[in-house]
Amino acid sequence: MILPASITGAPFLADPAFQRVIMAIEQDGDRARVVGGAVRNTLIGVPVDDVDIATTAPPEVVAARVAAAGLKAVPTGIAHGTVTVVSSGRPFEVTTLRADVETDGRHAVVAFTRDWVGDARRRDFTMNAVYADADGALFDPVDGIADALAGHVRFIGDPAERIKEDYLRILRFFRFQARYGRDTLDPAGLAAAVALQEGIDRLSRERIGAEMRKLVTADGVVPALALMDETGILARILPGGGAVARLSVLIDLSIRHGLPIDLETRLAALAVDRQALAEALRLSRREDKRIGAIVLWADTLATRMDEAAVRLAVFRAGNEVASAALLLAVARAGHDLDIDLLLLARDLQLPKSPVTAAGLIAEGYVPGPALGAELRRREAAWIAAGCPTEPSVGN
């Protein structure tokens, strides 16, 4: 196979905001090249989100040069050589070429260099170590182009050494396989990940949570998680492991019925213990609340899966939660989904309820728990009756 020598024509190369950053940095013999996701994604035809730049210029020099060019420099990771340059309102992460001086499995002490090959060899996967000049010419010191095009997620050099530098790379290995892999998982990488999985215990829950969010939303999440479960890695992240088979059914249902599912719905299906999941992944309050709502209504719909129950779920929690809960309830039960119920959950627009707290107070109810219980009872009866316009239903 003839490999491409350039990505000339990539839209981000023609972006004036990008060009201003490159022109500001490339002075006095210093060079700047795009590296990582932007190059990889362009090669494989995937949209580019962020453009990261590597340079021979030290970080303080980068900051001074871009400031002189009228751009904003933010020292987001100055100790590790990273300056975020803001050009036309867009951030570009600019990092000086580095060599690791010392690593502890979580963080690294680095020295700045001018060695492009050395910088490439300290990165994680070959597909992430392809560089592109501002004109699109490619520099591929570790054969990353072939791996990117083949969908082969391969560590650079010795997988065990790369993992020992940062144990988060175990999770990144599975995440990249789930998102970009098109062949079987690299045997050497898998063996190293399994052998060194205890290192995951040294990572912060915040870093684990951020990586797992990306993994769970990847297209190939199920086979990746299944292998993590089989090798014991998933149990190190989620106490009790995860309900991978249930997540698989949920995703299959969503694909077959054309209903996209978000991160919280996937986590609700995967969770064996919701509280443990929240703690293990450091879920935000919003994420945990939404997962709780999906699980609650899935429990409700599992006991009664009919139009009245779906209407009540929509009324109480909204269309998105009701739809997700219905899919989860069906995935748990393992039976076919009633498409009419799904369409109802997705599309139903309920009229405003004629049952109100003010109306109940006018009837003599006193504000408090009893009033709330009666309000919920009458609302449920109104919904079960088909949402008539009169409030008398359930009196």
Protein backbone atom coordinates (compact mmCIF):
# COMPACT_ATOMS: atom_id res chain seq x y z
CA MET A 1 0.00 0.00 0.00
CA ILE A 2 1.30 3.44 -0.92
CA LEU A 3 1.04 5.69 2.11
CA PRO A 4 0.16 9.38 1.83
CA ALA A 5 3.03 11.83 2.13
CA SER A 6 0.90 14.84 2.99
CA ILE A 7 -2.51 16.03 4.12
CA THR A 8 -2.44 19.09 1.89
CA GLY A 9 -5.97 20.37 1.54
CA ALA A 10 -7.00 19.61 5.11
CA PRO A 11 -9.40 22.43 6.08
CA PHE A 12 -7.62 23.31 9.31
CA LEU A 13 -4.39 24.06 7.40
CA ALA A 14 -6.14 26.87 5.52
CA ASP A 15 -7.65 28.36 8.68
CA PRO A 16 -6.26 31.91 9.10
CA ALA A 17 -6.38 31.50 12.88
CA PHE A 18 -4.10 28.45 12.64
CA GLN A 19 -1.77 30.14 10.15
CA ARG A 20 -1.31 33.13 12.46
CA VAL A 21 -0.20 30.81 15.28
CA ILE A 22 2.31 29.00 13.07
CA MET A 23 3.72 32.26 11.67
CA ALA A 24 4.15 33.66 15.17
CA ILE A 25 6.04 30.60 16.42
CA GLU A 26 8.27 29.82 13.44
CA GLN A 27 11.02 32.38 13.92
CA ASP A 28 14.80 32.20 14.41
CA GLY A 29 15.04 28.65 13.15
CA ASP A 30 12.24 27.17 15.27
CA ARG A 31 9.70 24.87 13.65
CA ALA A 32 6.11 24.07 14.46
CA ARG A 33 4.13 21.02 13.34
CA VAL A 34 0.61 19.77 13.95
CA VAL A 35 0.59 16.46 15.82
CA GLY A 36 -1.88 13.95 17.20
CA GLY A 37 -5.61 13.91 16.67
CA ALA A 38 -5.90 16.49 13.91
CA VAL A 39 -3.42 14.61 11.71
CA ARG A 40 -4.78 11.16 12.61
CA ASN A 41 -8.40 12.15 12.02
CA THR A 42 -7.59 13.81 8.70
CA LEU A 43 -5.84 10.65 7.52
CA ILE A 44 -8.84 8.43 8.34
CA GLY A 45 -11.56 10.86 7.33
CA VAL A 46 -12.87 11.70 10.79
CA PRO A 47 -13.86 15.28 11.75
CA VAL A 48 -11.13 17.30 13.45
CA ASP A 49 -12.06 18.87 16.77
CA ASP A 50 -8.80 20.26 18.16
CA VAL A 51 -5.51 21.22 16.54
CA ASP A 52 -2.46 20.55 18.71
CA ILE A 53 0.94 21.89 17.74
CA ALA A 54 4.44 20.69 18.64
CA THR A 55 7.39 23.05 18.40
CA THR A 56 11.10 23.34 19.02
CA ALA A 57 10.56 26.72 20.69
CA PRO A 58 10.60 26.74 24.53
CA PRO A 59 7.26 27.62 26.16
CA GLU A 60 8.30 31.05 27.37
CA VAL A 61 9.49 31.89 23.86
CA VAL A 62 6.19 30.67 22.40
CA ALA A 63 4.28 32.87 24.85
CA ALA A 64 6.36 35.94 24.02
CA ARG A 65 6.15 35.45 20.26
CA VAL A 66 2.40 34.93 20.10
CA ALA A 67 1.81 37.89 22.41
CA ALA A 68 3.93 40.05 20.11
CA ALA A 69 1.77 38.86 17.22
CA GLY A 70 -1.36 40.07 19.03
CA LEU A 71 -2.51 36.61 20.11
CA LYS A 72 -3.38 35.51 23.62
CA ALA A 73 -1.08 33.07 25.46
CA VAL A 74 -2.43 31.07 28.40
CA PRO A 75 0.17 29.07 30.41
CA THR A 76 -2.05 26.01 30.86
CA GLY A 77 0.81 23.55 31.43
CA ILE A 78 3.98 25.57 31.40
CA ALA A 79 5.96 23.03 33.49
CA HIS A 80 5.27 20.43 30.81
CA GLY A 81 5.90 22.84 27.97
CA THR A 82 2.30 23.63 27.04
CA VAL A 83 0.94 27.05 26.17
CA THR A 84 -2.63 27.46 24.94
CA VAL A 85 -2.66 30.08 22.21
CA VAL A 86 -5.97 31.78 21.45
CA SER A 87 -6.29 33.01 17.87
CA SER A 88 -9.57 34.47 16.59
CA GLY A 89 -11.26 33.05 19.67
CA ARG A 90 -10.01 29.51 18.99
CA PRO A 91 -7.60 27.66 21.32
CA PHE A 92 -4.51 25.88 19.99
CA GLU A 93 -2.47 23.81 22.41
CA VAL A 94 1.21 24.41 21.66
CA THR A 95 3.74 22.10 23.36
CA THR A 96 7.52 22.16 23.22
CA LEU A 97 9.24 18.92 22.15
CA ARG A 98 9.96 16.88 25.28
CA ALA A 99 11.87 14.00 26.74
CA ASP A 100 10.81 12.27 29.96
CA VAL A 101 13.34 12.68 32.76
CA GLU A 102 11.30 10.89 35.43
CA THR A 103 7.87 9.23 35.56
CA ASP A 104 5.84 7.73 38.41
CA GLY A 105 2.95 6.19 36.50
CA ARG A 106 0.80 9.31 36.81
CA HIS A 107 2.97 12.36 36.12
CA ALA A 108 6.24 13.03 34.34
CA VAL A 109 9.16 15.39 34.85
CA VAL A 110 10.23 16.51 31.38
CA ALA A 111 13.12 18.22 29.67
CA PHE A 112 12.63 20.31 26.55
CA THR A 113 14.46 19.22 23.41
CA ARG A 114 14.67 19.88 19.67
CA ASP A 115 14.51 16.18 18.84
CA TRP A 116 11.40 15.34 16.81
CA VAL A 117 12.04 11.59 16.85
CA GLY A 118 12.61 11.57 20.59
CA ASP A 119 9.39 13.50 21.11
CA ALA A 120 7.51 10.96 19.01
CA ARG A 121 8.91 7.99 20.92
CA ARG A 122 7.62 9.28 24.26
CA ARG A 123 4.01 9.41 23.01
CA ASP A 124 1.47 6.63 23.53
CA PHE A 125 0.29 5.15 20.21
CA THR A 126 1.84 5.24 16.77
CA MET A 127 -1.27 6.78 15.22
CA ASN A 128 -0.91 9.73 17.60
CA ALA A 129 2.72 10.45 16.65
CA VAL A 130 2.33 11.59 13.05
CA TYR A 131 3.34 15.23 12.46
CA ALA A 132 2.32 17.62 9.70
CA ASP A 133 4.03 20.80 8.57
CA ALA A 134 1.94 23.88 7.89
CA ASP A 135 1.88 22.92 4.18
CA GLY A 136 0.58 19.43 5.01
CA ALA A 137 3.82 17.47 4.50
CA LEU A 138 3.86 14.50 6.87
CA PHE A 139 6.63 13.34 9.20
CA ASP A 140 6.11 9.79 10.44
CA PRO A 141 8.99 8.60 12.64
CA VAL A 142 7.19 5.60 14.22
CA ASP A 143 5.11 4.28 11.27
CA GLY A 144 1.89 5.74 12.56
CA ILE A 145 0.32 6.44 9.16
CA ALA A 146 0.01 2.75 8.29
CA ASP A 147 -1.46 1.94 11.70
CA ALA A 148 -3.96 4.80 11.51
CA LEU A 149 -5.18 3.70 8.09
CA ALA A 150 -5.38 0.05 9.20
CA GLY A 151 -7.13 0.89 12.47
CA HIS A 152 -4.34 -0.80 14.41
CA VAL A 153 -3.91 0.67 17.89
CA ARG A 154 -0.27 0.00 18.74
CA PHE A 155 1.92 1.32 21.53
CA ILE A 156 5.15 3.03 20.52
CA GLY A 157 8.09 0.81 21.42
CA ASP A 158 7.68 -1.45 24.46
CA PRO A 159 4.01 -1.38 25.60
CA ALA A 160 4.97 -2.08 29.21
CA GLU A 161 7.34 0.89 29.29
CA ARG A 162 4.71 3.20 27.80
CA ILE A 163 2.13 2.05 30.36
CA LYS A 164 4.52 2.42 33.31
CA GLU A 165 5.02 6.05 32.31
CA ASP A 166 1.28 6.68 32.80
CA TYR A 167 -1.13 3.91 33.81
CA LEU A 168 -4.02 5.85 32.29
CA ARG A 169 -2.69 4.52 28.99
CA ILE A 170 -4.32 1.19 29.82
CA LEU A 171 -7.73 2.83 29.58
CA ARG A 172 -6.68 4.89 26.57
CA PHE A 173 -5.63 1.66 24.84
CA PHE A 174 -9.15 0.27 25.13
CA ARG A 175 -10.74 3.63 24.36
CA PHE A 176 -8.73 4.11 21.17
CA GLN A 177 -9.54 0.56 20.14
CA ALA A 178 -13.24 1.29 20.67
CA ARG A 179 -13.09 4.49 18.64
CA TYR A 180 -10.47 3.84 15.96
CA GLY A 181 -9.70 0.13 15.98
CA ARG A 182 -10.66 -1.91 12.92
CA ASP A 183 -8.82 -5.14 13.68
CA THR A 184 -8.21 -7.30 16.74
CA LEU A 185 -6.64 -5.69 19.77
CA ASP A 186 -2.85 -5.62 19.56
CA PRO A 187 -1.64 -8.76 21.44
CA ALA A 188 1.47 -7.16 22.91
CA GLY A 189 -0.47 -4.14 24.10
CA LEU A 190 -3.21 -6.28 25.62
CA ALA A 191 -0.71 -8.52 27.44
CA ALA A 192 1.01 -5.48 28.95
CA ALA A 193 -2.30 -3.87 29.94
CA VAL A 194 -3.46 -7.03 31.72
CA ALA A 195 -0.12 -7.60 33.46
CA LEU A 196 0.11 -4.00 34.71
CA GLN A 197 -3.54 -3.38 35.57
CA GLU A 198 -2.80 -2.88 39.28
CA GLY A 199 -1.34 0.47 38.26
CA ILE A 200 -4.88 1.71 37.63
CA ASP A 201 -5.33 1.84 41.41
CA ARG A 202 -2.78 4.68 41.51
CA LEU A 203 -4.79 6.95 39.23
CA SER A 204 -7.16 9.64 40.40
CA ARG A 205 -10.86 8.98 39.98
CA GLU A 206 -11.17 12.23 38.05
CA ARG A 207 -8.75 11.03 35.36
CA ILE A 208 -10.37 7.60 35.24
CA GLY A 209 -13.83 9.16 34.95
CA ALA A 210 -12.82 11.46 32.11
CA GLU A 211 -11.35 8.57 30.14
CA MET A 212 -14.27 6.24 30.80
CA ARG A 213 -16.77 8.84 29.57
CA LYS A 214 -14.97 8.87 26.22
CA LEU A 215 -14.80 5.09 26.11
CA VAL A 216 -18.47 4.52 26.94
CA THR A 217 -19.61 6.82 24.11
CA ALA A 218 -17.37 5.21 21.44
CA ASP A 219 -18.94 3.11 18.70
CA GLY A 220 -16.91 0.02 19.62
CA VAL A 221 -17.51 0.25 23.36
CA VAL A 222 -19.09 -3.19 23.82
CA PRO A 223 -16.24 -5.41 22.63
CA ALA A 224 -13.73 -3.17 24.40
CA LEU A 225 -15.61 -3.32 27.72
CA ALA A 226 -16.23 -7.05 27.31
CA LEU A 227 -12.49 -7.66 27.08
CA MET A 228 -11.85 -5.36 30.03
CA ASP A 229 -14.45 -7.32 31.99
CA GLU A 230 -12.97 -10.66 31.00
CA THR A 231 -9.46 -9.65 32.07
CA GLY A 232 -10.50 -8.08 35.39
CA ILE A 233 -9.63 -4.53 34.35
CA LEU A 234 -13.21 -3.28 34.43
CA ALA A 235 -13.68 -4.48 38.02
CA ARG A 236 -10.71 -2.31 39.05
CA ILE A 237 -12.61 0.71 37.76
CA LEU A 238 -16.20 -0.21 38.64
CA PRO A 239 -16.73 -2.28 41.79
CA GLY A 240 -18.55 -5.41 40.73
CA GLY A 241 -17.67 -4.83 37.09
CA GLY A 242 -20.29 -3.70 34.61
CA ALA A 243 -23.42 -5.05 32.95
CA VAL A 244 -21.78 -5.15 29.52
CA ALA A 245 -24.37 -7.52 28.02
CA ARG A 246 -27.18 -5.18 29.07
CA LEU A 247 -25.37 -2.21 27.56
CA SER A 248 -24.95 -4.21 24.35
CA VAL A 249 -28.69 -4.88 24.14
CA LEU A 250 -29.46 -1.23 24.85
CA ILE A 251 -27.15 0.00 22.09
CA ASP A 252 -28.57 -2.55 19.66
CA LEU A 253 -32.11 -1.39 20.44
CA SER A 254 -31.17 2.25 19.96
CA ILE A 255 -29.54 1.54 16.60
CA ARG A 256 -32.42 -0.60 15.32
CA HIS A 257 -35.01 1.99 16.29
CA GLY A 258 -33.04 5.10 15.36
CA LEU A 259 -32.99 6.62 18.84
CA PRO A 260 -29.60 8.05 19.83
CA ILE A 261 -28.59 7.41 23.44
CA ASP A 262 -26.43 9.71 25.49
CA LEU A 263 -23.67 9.09 28.02
CA GLU A 264 -26.00 8.91 31.03
CA THR A 265 -28.25 6.33 29.37
CA ARG A 266 -25.25 4.15 28.58
CA LEU A 267 -23.93 4.46 32.13
CA ALA A 268 -27.37 3.65 33.54
CA ALA A 269 -27.31 0.40 31.55
CA LEU A 270 -23.71 -0.41 32.50
CA ALA A 271 -24.09 0.28 36.22
CA VAL A 272 -24.33 -2.68 38.57
CA ASP A 273 -24.34 -0.33 41.58
CA ARG A 274 -25.31 3.27 40.77
CA GLN A 275 -23.74 4.76 43.89
CA ALA A 276 -20.50 2.90 43.28
CA LEU A 277 -20.55 4.10 39.67
CA ALA A 278 -20.95 7.72 40.76
CA GLU A 279 -18.04 7.45 43.17
CA ALA A 280 -15.79 5.47 40.82
CA LEU A 281 -16.16 7.89 37.90
CA ARG A 282 -16.63 11.08 39.93
CA LEU A 283 -19.91 11.80 38.21
CA SER A 284 -21.22 15.34 38.38
CA ARG A 285 -24.42 16.04 40.28
CA ARG A 286 -26.25 16.57 36.99
CA GLU A 287 -24.99 13.27 35.55
CA ASP A 288 -25.88 11.32 38.69
CA LYS A 289 -29.34 12.91 38.87
CA ARG A 290 -30.11 12.05 35.26
CA ILE A 291 -28.90 8.47 35.64
CA GLY A 292 -31.03 8.17 38.77
CA ALA A 293 -34.11 9.37 36.89
CA ILE A 294 -33.53 6.90 34.05
CA VAL A 295 -33.07 4.00 36.48
CA LEU A 296 -36.13 5.02 38.54
CA TRP A 297 -38.44 5.14 35.52
CA ALA A 298 -36.94 1.97 34.07
CA ASP A 299 -37.86 0.24 37.34
CA THR A 300 -41.39 1.67 37.07
CA LEU A 301 -41.85 0.70 33.43
CA ALA A 302 -40.52 -2.80 34.10
CA THR A 303 -43.52 -3.45 36.34
CA ARG A 304 -46.06 -1.90 33.98
CA MET A 305 -45.13 -1.26 30.36
CA ASP A 306 -48.24 0.28 28.79
CA GLU A 307 -49.39 3.61 27.38
CA ALA A 308 -50.54 5.02 30.71
CA ALA A 309 -47.19 4.25 32.34
CA VAL A 310 -45.27 5.81 29.45
CA ARG A 311 -47.47 8.93 29.52
CA LEU A 312 -46.81 9.26 33.24
CA ALA A 313 -43.06 8.93 32.68
CA VAL A 314 -43.18 11.66 30.04
CA PHE A 315 -45.25 13.88 32.32
CA ARG A 316 -42.94 13.46 35.30
CA ALA A 317 -39.51 13.22 33.65
CA GLY A 318 -39.76 14.41 30.05
CA ASN A 319 -39.45 12.68 26.69
CA GLU A 320 -35.71 12.03 26.78
CA VAL A 321 -35.70 10.32 30.18
CA ALA A 322 -38.88 8.39 29.38
CA SER A 323 -37.42 7.11 26.11
CA ALA A 324 -34.14 6.13 27.75
CA ALA A 325 -35.95 4.44 30.64
CA LEU A 326 -38.13 2.45 28.25
CA LEU A 327 -35.09 1.22 26.33
CA LEU A 328 -33.35 0.29 29.57
CA ALA A 329 -36.40 -1.56 30.90
CA VAL A 330 -36.65 -3.58 27.69
CA ALA A 331 -32.88 -4.26 27.67
CA ARG A 332 -33.12 -5.60 31.22
CA ALA A 333 -36.11 -7.81 30.41
CA GLY A 334 -34.66 -9.10 27.16
CA HIS A 335 -37.91 -8.96 25.22
CA ASP A 336 -38.90 -7.10 22.05
CA LEU A 337 -39.59 -3.39 22.18
CA ASP A 338 -43.07 -2.16 21.37
CA ILE A 339 -42.29 0.48 18.78
CA ASP A 340 -45.59 2.29 19.45
CA LEU A 341 -44.58 2.77 23.08
CA LEU A 342 -41.18 4.06 22.02
CA LEU A 343 -42.74 6.56 19.63
CA LEU A 344 -45.10 7.64 22.40
CA ALA A 345 -42.22 8.16 24.82
CA ARG A 346 -40.20 10.04 22.22
CA ASP A 347 -42.88 12.26 20.69
CA LEU A 348 -45.74 12.70 23.16
CA GLN A 349 -46.60 16.32 23.93
CA LEU A 350 -48.95 16.43 26.90
CA PRO A 351 -51.40 19.26 27.52
CA LYS A 352 -51.07 21.23 30.70
CA SER A 353 -52.56 19.33 33.61
CA PRO A 354 -55.83 20.82 34.92
CA VAL A 355 -55.00 19.36 38.32
CA THR A 356 -53.24 22.00 40.40
CA ALA A 357 -52.12 22.52 43.96
CA ALA A 358 -54.18 25.71 44.07
CA GLY A 359 -57.28 23.77 43.08
CA LEU A 360 -56.70 21.22 45.83
CA ILE A 361 -56.20 23.97 48.41
CA ALA A 362 -59.49 25.46 47.28
CA GLU A 363 -61.04 22.08 48.04
CA GLY A 364 -59.75 22.27 51.58
CA TYR A 365 -56.36 20.52 51.41
CA VAL A 366 -53.65 22.04 53.58
CA PRO A 367 -50.17 22.56 52.05
CA GLY A 368 -47.93 19.68 53.05
CA PRO A 369 -47.19 16.02 52.31
CA ALA A 370 -50.85 15.02 52.08
CA LEU A 371 -51.53 17.68 49.46
CA GLY A 372 -48.48 16.57 47.45
CA ALA A 373 -49.56 12.94 47.58
CA GLU A 374 -53.08 13.79 46.46
CA LEU A 375 -51.74 15.99 43.64
CA ARG A 376 -49.58 13.14 42.35
CA ARG A 377 -52.48 10.67 42.65
CA ARG A 378 -54.85 12.86 40.67
CA GLU A 379 -52.22 13.65 38.05
CA ALA A 380 -51.64 9.92 37.55
CA ALA A 381 -55.37 9.30 37.29
CA TRP A 382 -55.73 12.16 34.78
CA ILE A 383 -52.94 10.70 32.64
CA ALA A 384 -54.38 7.17 32.89
CA ALA A 385 -57.73 8.52 31.70
CA GLY A 386 -56.15 9.95 28.56
CA CYS A 387 -55.55 13.51 29.77
CA PRO A 388 -59.09 14.92 29.66
CA THR A 389 -59.49 18.69 29.85
CA GLU A 390 -61.54 18.57 33.01
CA PRO A 391 -59.83 18.20 36.42
CA SER A 392 -62.51 15.96 37.89
CA VAL A 393 -60.73 12.72 36.98
CA GLY A 394 -59.48 10.95 40.08
CA ASN A 395 -61.54 13.02 42.55
